[in-house]
Amino acid sequence: MKKIVKVFDGISVIVFVLMVLVVLLQIFARYVLKTSVPWTEEMSRLLFIYVGFTGTAIATRENELIVVDILLSRLPAKLRKVFDIVIELFIFAFYCLIFVGAIKMFNATKNTYYQVMPHVSNAMPYVAVIIGIGAALIGMVVKRVGRILEAMKHA
């Protein structure tokens, strides 16, 4: 599992670097060469979507999602644990809805293409959602199963 996590994180870094390079190419072409490279805008936007959703998977795995816990921090420890589980279930259900919706949108757009990148399907942003949210869901399940197994060892 650790190797898969390393590969996923590595791919996320590579996609981020590609996004930066595409944006730099766009800036260089526009301001130095005084020309435009039409595909760079769409490609940078697409790569940004991939960075966002792979980042979502990483943040979910590392338990680094943005949280407003003013009320939770004031609850007794046992009640806080119950709310933590309820919140985790809501996040899981929300991710499932996003995942299913992304699959539907992928199927609806897979045969259409970008105008400036005719070889790239309009479904590619939904692939980012499927990969990122799918990885987040898998990470949540693995983490929860690990906690259950750990609790069984100590029981």
Protein backbone atom coordinates (compact mmCIF):
# COMPACT_ATOMS: atom_id res chain seq x y z
CA MET A 1 0.00 0.00 0.00
CA LYS A 2 2.86 2.37 0.81
CA LYS A 3 4.28 1.93 -2.70
CA ILE A 4 0.91 2.84 -4.23
CA VAL A 5 0.74 5.94 -2.03
CA LYS A 6 4.27 6.96 -3.10
CA VAL A 7 3.42 6.49 -6.78
CA PHE A 8 0.17 8.46 -6.40
CA ASP A 9 1.96 11.29 -4.59
CA GLY A 10 4.72 11.26 -7.21
CA ILE A 11 2.20 11.50 -10.03
CA SER A 12 0.56 14.43 -8.24
CA VAL A 13 3.90 16.26 -8.09
CA ILE A 14 4.59 15.53 -11.77
CA VAL A 15 1.15 16.88 -12.77
CA PHE A 16 1.80 20.03 -10.71
CA VAL A 17 5.19 20.54 -12.36
CA LEU A 18 3.62 20.02 -15.81
CA MET A 19 0.97 22.60 -14.97
CA VAL A 20 3.62 25.14 -13.97
CA LEU A 21 5.62 24.43 -17.14
CA VAL A 22 2.56 24.87 -19.36
CA VAL A 23 1.73 28.18 -17.66
CA LEU A 24 5.35 29.34 -18.07
CA LEU A 25 5.20 28.37 -21.74
CA GLN A 26 2.02 30.39 -22.10
CA ILE A 27 3.62 33.43 -20.44
CA PHE A 28 6.81 33.10 -22.51
CA ALA A 29 4.89 32.79 -25.77
CA ARG A 30 2.59 35.68 -25.00
CA TYR A 31 5.09 38.22 -23.65
CA VAL A 32 8.39 37.25 -25.27
CA LEU A 33 7.38 35.75 -28.60
CA LYS A 34 4.27 37.99 -28.89
CA THR A 35 2.15 35.06 -30.01
CA SER A 36 -0.38 32.79 -28.38
CA VAL A 37 -0.33 29.06 -27.98
CA PRO A 38 -4.06 28.27 -27.82
CA TRP A 39 -3.84 24.87 -26.17
CA THR A 40 -1.86 26.08 -23.13
CA GLU A 41 -4.85 27.72 -21.47
CA GLU A 42 -7.04 24.63 -21.70
CA MET A 43 -4.18 22.30 -20.76
CA SER A 44 -3.22 24.34 -17.69
CA ARG A 45 -6.86 24.38 -16.59
CA LEU A 46 -7.12 20.62 -17.06
CA LEU A 47 -3.90 19.99 -15.13
CA PHE A 48 -5.13 22.30 -12.36
CA ILE A 49 -8.23 20.13 -12.02
CA TYR A 50 -6.01 17.04 -11.72
CA VAL A 51 -3.86 18.75 -9.08
CA GLY A 52 -6.97 19.72 -7.14
CA PHE A 53 -8.50 16.26 -7.07
CA THR A 54 -5.28 14.37 -6.41
CA GLY A 55 -4.70 16.91 -3.64
CA THR A 56 -8.15 16.11 -2.28
CA ALA A 57 -7.20 12.44 -2.10
CA ILE A 58 -3.93 13.25 -0.34
CA ALA A 59 -5.60 15.65 2.11
CA THR A 60 -8.27 13.06 2.91
CA ARG A 61 -5.65 10.34 3.43
CA GLU A 62 -3.52 12.58 5.66
CA ASN A 63 -6.59 13.86 7.55
CA GLU A 64 -5.75 17.42 6.47
CA LEU A 65 -9.13 18.56 5.14
CA ILE A 66 -10.18 22.05 6.16
CA VAL A 67 -12.23 21.79 9.35
CA VAL A 68 -14.13 24.25 11.50
CA ASP A 69 -14.08 22.47 14.83
CA ILE A 70 -15.02 25.22 17.27
CA LEU A 71 -18.04 23.25 18.54
CA LEU A 72 -16.42 19.82 18.35
CA SER A 73 -13.43 20.90 20.42
CA ARG A 74 -15.77 21.85 23.28
CA LEU A 75 -17.56 18.50 23.40
CA PRO A 76 -16.63 15.74 25.83
CA ALA A 77 -14.16 13.22 24.37
CA LYS A 78 -16.67 10.36 23.97
CA LEU A 79 -19.24 12.56 22.24
CA ARG A 80 -16.50 14.03 20.02
CA LYS A 81 -15.58 10.52 18.86
CA VAL A 82 -19.21 9.87 17.92
CA PHE A 83 -19.38 13.13 15.96
CA ASP A 84 -16.06 12.35 14.27
CA ILE A 85 -17.52 9.08 12.98
CA VAL A 86 -20.75 10.79 11.85
CA ILE A 87 -18.76 13.47 10.02
CA GLU A 88 -16.58 10.81 8.40
CA LEU A 89 -19.72 9.01 7.20
CA PHE A 90 -21.09 12.27 5.73
CA ILE A 91 -17.80 12.92 3.93
CA PHE A 92 -17.80 9.34 2.62
CA ALA A 93 -21.40 9.67 1.38
CA PHE A 94 -20.61 13.05 -0.24
CA TYR A 95 -17.57 11.57 -1.99
CA CYS A 96 -19.71 8.67 -3.21
CA LEU A 97 -22.19 11.11 -4.75
CA ILE A 98 -19.38 13.02 -6.45
CA PHE A 99 -17.83 9.77 -7.70
CA VAL A 100 -21.10 8.51 -9.20
CA GLY A 101 -21.84 11.92 -10.74
CA ALA A 102 -18.36 12.04 -12.29
CA ILE A 103 -18.89 8.63 -13.89
CA LYS A 104 -22.20 9.81 -15.35
CA MET A 105 -20.61 13.00 -16.68
CA PHE A 106 -17.68 11.04 -18.09
CA ASN A 107 -20.08 8.84 -20.04
CA ALA A 108 -22.02 11.88 -21.26
CA THR A 109 -18.94 13.75 -22.52
CA LYS A 110 -16.48 11.05 -23.60
CA ASN A 111 -17.28 11.45 -27.31
CA THR A 112 -16.84 15.24 -27.39
CA TYR A 113 -13.50 17.02 -27.69
CA TYR A 114 -11.84 20.32 -26.87
CA GLN A 115 -11.84 22.73 -29.78
CA VAL A 116 -8.20 23.77 -29.34
CA MET A 117 -7.08 20.23 -28.40
CA PRO A 118 -9.10 17.99 -30.71
CA HIS A 119 -7.28 14.86 -29.52
CA VAL A 120 -8.37 15.42 -25.86
CA SER A 121 -11.86 14.40 -24.77
CA ASN A 122 -14.06 16.75 -22.75
CA ALA A 123 -14.40 13.83 -20.34
CA MET A 124 -10.83 14.28 -19.08
CA PRO A 125 -11.78 16.57 -16.15
CA TYR A 126 -14.16 13.88 -14.96
CA VAL A 127 -11.35 11.34 -15.10
CA ALA A 128 -9.53 13.58 -12.61
CA VAL A 129 -12.59 13.53 -10.34
CA ILE A 130 -12.93 9.75 -10.65
CA ILE A 131 -9.24 9.19 -9.86
CA GLY A 132 -9.03 11.72 -7.02
CA ILE A 133 -12.31 10.94 -5.31
CA GLY A 134 -11.86 7.20 -5.93
CA ALA A 135 -8.45 7.36 -4.24
CA ALA A 136 -9.95 9.36 -1.36
CA LEU A 137 -12.70 6.75 -0.89
CA ILE A 138 -10.19 3.91 -0.95
CA GLY A 139 -8.01 5.79 1.54
CA MET A 140 -10.95 6.31 3.88
CA VAL A 141 -11.89 2.62 3.76
CA VAL A 142 -8.30 1.47 4.30
CA LYS A 143 -7.86 3.87 7.22
CA ARG A 144 -11.14 2.78 8.86
CA VAL A 145 -10.36 -0.93 8.41
CA GLY A 146 -6.90 -0.31 9.89
CA ARG A 147 -8.45 1.36 12.93
CA ILE A 148 -10.89 -1.52 13.38
CA LEU A 149 -8.10 -4.10 13.14
CA GLU A 150 -5.98 -2.11 15.60
CA ALA A 151 -8.90 -1.93 18.04
CA MET A 152 -9.44 -5.71 17.70
CA LYS A 153 -5.78 -6.33 18.59
CA HIS A 154 -6.11 -4.34 21.79
CA ALA A 155 -9.43 -5.90 22.78
